[in-house]
N, C-alpha and C. Protein backbone atom coordinates (compact mmCIF):
# COMPACT_ATOMS: atom_id res chain seq x y z
N MET A 1 -154.29 185.68 199.48
CA MET A 1 -153.09 186.18 200.04
C MET A 1 -151.82 185.31 199.60
N LYS A 2 -150.80 185.87 199.60
CA LYS A 2 -149.50 185.15 199.17
C LYS A 2 -149.12 184.08 200.16
N LYS A 3 -148.50 183.03 199.58
CA LYS A 3 -148.07 181.87 200.51
C LYS A 3 -146.76 182.48 201.14
N VAL A 4 -146.64 182.33 202.49
CA VAL A 4 -145.50 182.84 203.24
C VAL A 4 -144.85 181.64 204.01
N THR A 5 -143.67 181.44 203.83
CA THR A 5 -142.89 180.48 204.59
C THR A 5 -141.76 181.18 205.33
N LEU A 6 -141.68 180.84 206.64
CA LEU A 6 -140.59 181.46 207.52
C LEU A 6 -139.62 180.31 207.88
N TYR A 7 -138.55 180.39 207.44
CA TYR A 7 -137.30 179.58 207.86
C TYR A 7 -136.67 180.15 209.06
N SER A 8 -136.72 179.49 210.22
CA SER A 8 -136.35 180.20 211.47
C SER A 8 -135.49 179.27 212.28
N LEU A 9 -134.83 179.83 213.41
CA LEU A 9 -134.23 179.10 214.41
C LEU A 9 -134.90 179.34 215.79
N SER A 10 -135.12 178.34 216.47
CA SER A 10 -135.95 178.57 217.78
C SER A 10 -135.36 179.49 218.83
N THR A 11 -133.98 179.76 218.73
CA THR A 11 -133.29 180.56 219.71
C THR A 11 -132.97 181.97 219.13
N CYS A 12 -133.43 182.13 217.87
CA CYS A 12 -133.00 183.48 217.14
C CYS A 12 -133.92 184.59 217.46
N PRO A 13 -133.44 185.75 218.16
CA PRO A 13 -134.34 186.81 218.61
C PRO A 13 -134.83 187.57 217.33
N VAL A 14 -134.09 187.64 216.29
CA VAL A 14 -134.47 188.28 214.99
C VAL A 14 -135.67 187.51 214.36
N CYS A 15 -135.53 186.26 214.45
CA CYS A 15 -136.55 185.28 214.00
C CYS A 15 -137.77 185.52 214.63
N ARG A 16 -137.74 185.68 215.99
CA ARG A 16 -139.01 185.97 216.87
C ARG A 16 -139.60 187.38 216.47
N LYS A 17 -138.84 188.35 216.15
CA LYS A 17 -139.37 189.55 215.67
C LYS A 17 -140.11 189.44 214.35
N VAL A 18 -139.74 188.61 213.46
CA VAL A 18 -140.37 188.35 212.20
C VAL A 18 -141.64 187.56 212.64
N ARG A 19 -141.59 186.62 213.45
CA ARG A 19 -142.84 185.86 213.73
C ARG A 19 -143.92 186.83 214.47
N THR A 20 -143.43 187.65 215.32
CA THR A 20 -144.37 188.66 215.98
C THR A 20 -144.98 189.53 214.94
N PHE A 21 -144.20 190.03 213.91
CA PHE A 21 -144.63 190.89 212.91
C PHE A 21 -145.73 190.15 212.13
N LEU A 22 -145.47 188.96 211.71
CA LEU A 22 -146.56 188.23 210.96
C LEU A 22 -147.75 188.05 211.83
N ASP A 23 -147.60 187.55 213.01
CA ASP A 23 -148.80 187.28 213.95
C ASP A 23 -149.57 188.59 214.09
N GLU A 24 -148.94 189.68 214.49
CA GLU A 24 -149.60 190.95 214.68
C GLU A 24 -150.33 191.50 213.53
N ASN A 25 -149.94 191.13 212.33
CA ASN A 25 -150.62 191.53 211.01
C ASN A 25 -151.52 190.42 210.42
N GLY A 26 -151.75 189.31 211.20
CA GLY A 26 -152.70 188.46 210.81
C GLY A 26 -152.31 187.69 209.58
N VAL A 27 -151.03 187.59 209.29
CA VAL A 27 -150.54 186.95 208.18
C VAL A 27 -150.32 185.37 208.45
N PRO A 28 -151.06 184.55 207.71
CA PRO A 28 -150.94 183.08 207.77
C PRO A 28 -149.52 182.71 207.18
N TYR A 29 -148.75 181.82 207.80
CA TYR A 29 -147.45 181.40 207.48
C TYR A 29 -147.16 180.00 207.74
N THR A 30 -146.30 179.41 207.10
CA THR A 30 -145.74 178.20 207.52
C THR A 30 -144.48 178.44 208.33
N LEU A 31 -144.22 177.95 209.39
CA LEU A 31 -143.11 178.13 210.25
C LEU A 31 -142.24 176.82 210.25
N ILE A 32 -141.05 176.96 209.81
CA ILE A 32 -140.10 175.87 209.84
C ILE A 32 -138.91 176.32 210.67
N GLU A 33 -138.87 175.68 211.93
CA GLU A 33 -137.76 175.89 212.91
C GLU A 33 -136.71 174.79 212.57
N VAL A 34 -135.81 175.28 211.79
CA VAL A 34 -134.78 174.31 211.24
C VAL A 34 -133.95 173.63 212.32
N ASP A 35 -133.60 174.23 213.42
CA ASP A 35 -132.79 173.70 214.54
C ASP A 35 -133.68 172.58 215.27
N ARG A 36 -134.86 172.51 215.12
CA ARG A 36 -135.72 171.53 215.91
C ARG A 36 -136.01 170.38 214.94
N LEU A 37 -135.56 170.27 213.81
CA LEU A 37 -135.80 169.16 212.94
C LEU A 37 -134.71 168.10 213.16
N GLU A 38 -135.00 166.79 212.84
CA GLU A 38 -134.16 165.86 213.00
C GLU A 38 -133.07 165.79 211.84
N GLY A 39 -131.96 165.14 212.04
CA GLY A 39 -130.85 165.17 211.12
C GLY A 39 -131.13 165.26 209.68
N GLY A 40 -131.80 164.24 209.06
CA GLY A 40 -131.94 164.25 207.62
C GLY A 40 -132.99 165.38 207.15
N GLU A 41 -133.90 165.62 207.94
CA GLU A 41 -134.92 166.75 207.68
C GLU A 41 -134.18 168.10 207.77
N GLN A 42 -133.31 168.27 208.83
CA GLN A 42 -132.54 169.55 209.00
C GLN A 42 -131.67 169.78 207.97
N TRP A 43 -130.94 168.76 207.42
CA TRP A 43 -130.02 168.95 206.27
C TRP A 43 -130.80 169.47 205.05
N VAL A 44 -131.98 168.76 204.74
CA VAL A 44 -132.82 169.16 203.58
C VAL A 44 -133.17 170.48 203.62
N MET A 45 -133.70 170.98 204.87
CA MET A 45 -134.21 172.42 205.06
C MET A 45 -133.08 173.44 204.98
N THR A 46 -131.87 173.04 205.53
CA THR A 46 -130.75 173.93 205.36
C THR A 46 -130.31 174.09 203.81
N LYS A 47 -130.55 173.10 203.03
CA LYS A 47 -130.31 173.24 201.58
C LYS A 47 -131.36 174.01 200.96
N GLU A 48 -132.66 173.95 201.36
CA GLU A 48 -133.78 174.69 200.98
C GLU A 48 -133.67 176.17 201.24
N VAL A 49 -133.13 176.59 202.54
CA VAL A 49 -132.89 177.86 202.78
C VAL A 49 -131.69 178.46 202.04
N ALA A 50 -130.67 177.70 201.70
CA ALA A 50 -129.67 178.14 200.86
C ALA A 50 -130.12 178.33 199.36
N ARG A 51 -131.01 177.58 198.90
CA ARG A 51 -131.59 177.84 197.61
C ARG A 51 -132.28 179.18 197.57
N HIS A 52 -132.89 179.63 198.65
CA HIS A 52 -133.52 180.96 198.53
C HIS A 52 -132.62 182.01 198.97
N ASN A 53 -131.65 181.74 199.96
CA ASN A 53 -130.81 182.72 200.46
C ASN A 53 -129.33 182.08 200.51
N PRO A 54 -128.54 182.44 199.49
CA PRO A 54 -127.29 181.72 199.42
C PRO A 54 -126.34 182.00 200.71
N GLN A 55 -126.69 182.98 201.43
CA GLN A 55 -125.87 183.17 202.69
C GLN A 55 -126.33 182.16 203.78
N GLY A 56 -127.44 181.60 203.67
CA GLY A 56 -127.89 180.60 204.59
C GLY A 56 -128.15 181.15 206.04
N THR A 57 -128.54 182.40 206.02
CA THR A 57 -128.82 183.08 207.31
C THR A 57 -130.35 183.01 207.72
N TYR A 58 -130.59 183.24 209.03
CA TYR A 58 -131.92 183.27 209.51
C TYR A 58 -132.29 184.56 210.19
N PRO A 59 -133.60 185.02 210.10
CA PRO A 59 -134.67 184.36 209.41
C PRO A 59 -134.56 184.50 207.86
N THR A 60 -135.11 183.59 207.21
CA THR A 60 -135.35 183.74 205.72
C THR A 60 -136.87 183.48 205.52
N THR A 61 -137.45 184.58 205.06
CA THR A 61 -138.92 184.59 204.74
C THR A 61 -139.04 184.64 203.26
N VAL A 62 -139.84 183.58 202.82
CA VAL A 62 -140.14 183.42 201.46
C VAL A 62 -141.67 183.75 201.19
N VAL A 63 -141.85 184.85 200.38
CA VAL A 63 -143.13 185.38 200.02
C VAL A 63 -143.21 185.45 198.54
N GLU A 64 -143.30 184.43 197.88
CA GLU A 64 -143.25 184.31 196.39
C GLU A 64 -141.94 185.04 196.00
N GLU A 65 -141.12 185.48 196.89
CA GLU A 65 -139.80 185.92 196.76
C GLU A 65 -139.14 185.86 198.20
N VAL A 66 -137.87 186.10 198.33
CA VAL A 66 -137.25 185.98 199.59
C VAL A 66 -136.93 187.30 200.22
N ILE A 67 -137.12 187.34 201.48
CA ILE A 67 -136.75 188.52 202.37
C ILE A 67 -135.96 188.02 203.41
N VAL A 68 -134.62 188.44 203.50
CA VAL A 68 -133.78 188.06 204.49
C VAL A 68 -133.61 189.02 205.62
N GLY A 69 -133.71 188.42 206.85
CA GLY A 69 -133.50 189.30 208.06
C GLY A 69 -134.84 189.96 208.37
N TYR A 70 -134.69 190.89 209.25
CA TYR A 70 -135.90 191.68 209.63
C TYR A 70 -135.97 192.99 208.87
N ASP A 71 -136.30 192.80 207.59
CA ASP A 71 -136.44 193.99 206.70
C ASP A 71 -137.90 194.43 206.74
N ILE A 72 -138.17 195.38 207.67
CA ILE A 72 -139.47 195.74 207.91
C ILE A 72 -140.21 196.31 206.75
N GLU A 73 -139.55 197.05 205.96
CA GLU A 73 -140.30 197.76 204.76
C GLU A 73 -140.57 196.55 203.73
N SER A 74 -139.80 195.67 203.55
CA SER A 74 -140.01 194.67 202.58
C SER A 74 -141.11 193.66 203.18
N LEU A 75 -141.04 193.40 204.44
CA LEU A 75 -142.30 192.60 205.04
C LEU A 75 -143.57 193.25 204.88
N ARG A 76 -143.52 194.62 205.20
CA ARG A 76 -144.69 195.39 205.08
C ARG A 76 -145.19 195.47 203.70
N ASN A 77 -144.36 195.73 202.76
CA ASN A 77 -144.76 195.96 201.33
C ASN A 77 -145.29 194.57 200.67
N LYS A 78 -144.53 193.55 200.98
CA LYS A 78 -144.70 192.28 200.34
C LYS A 78 -145.86 191.47 200.94
N ILE A 79 -146.00 191.67 202.25
CA ILE A 79 -147.02 190.71 202.93
C ILE A 79 -148.27 191.59 203.27
N VAL A 80 -148.17 192.64 204.06
CA VAL A 80 -149.24 193.28 204.57
C VAL A 80 -149.97 194.21 203.47
N GLY A 81 -149.14 194.96 202.74
CA GLY A 81 -149.75 195.84 201.77
C GLY A 81 -149.41 195.35 200.35
N ASP A 82 -149.76 194.10 200.13
CA ASP A 82 -149.44 193.40 198.95
C ASP A 82 -150.47 193.75 197.71
N GLY A 83 -151.39 194.67 198.03
CA GLY A 83 -152.24 195.19 196.99
C GLY A 83 -153.31 194.12 196.44
N ASP A 84 -153.48 193.07 196.95
CA ASP A 84 -154.50 192.13 196.46
C ASP A 84 -155.67 192.09 197.35
N GLY A 85 -155.83 192.97 198.35
CA GLY A 85 -157.01 192.98 199.22
C GLY A 85 -156.69 192.33 200.60
N ALA A 86 -155.38 192.03 200.71
CA ALA A 86 -155.02 191.39 202.08
C ALA A 86 -155.00 192.43 203.09
N ALA A 87 -154.85 192.00 204.28
CA ALA A 87 -154.82 192.87 205.51
C ALA A 87 -153.74 193.94 205.28
N GLY A 88 -154.00 195.05 205.80
CA GLY A 88 -152.93 196.12 205.61
C GLY A 88 -153.10 197.32 206.47
């Protein structure tokens, strides 16, 4: 399965929708809640999000490529139905 990283904010309802989608589809992922990080770590992760998503918006899901927001078709195609025998 592809490596999935979700850059999120703990208070973001759209971020929760992406987390629910990943959980319901049994997709393992690394969750980084940027707003819960301490100063220096938060700054570094903000720069990392901007590297993947120049708009710097949340959620930003990186699946060997970037998916911004709750783009259900991209999430479904890139994560669940990725064609390598992963859950789907």
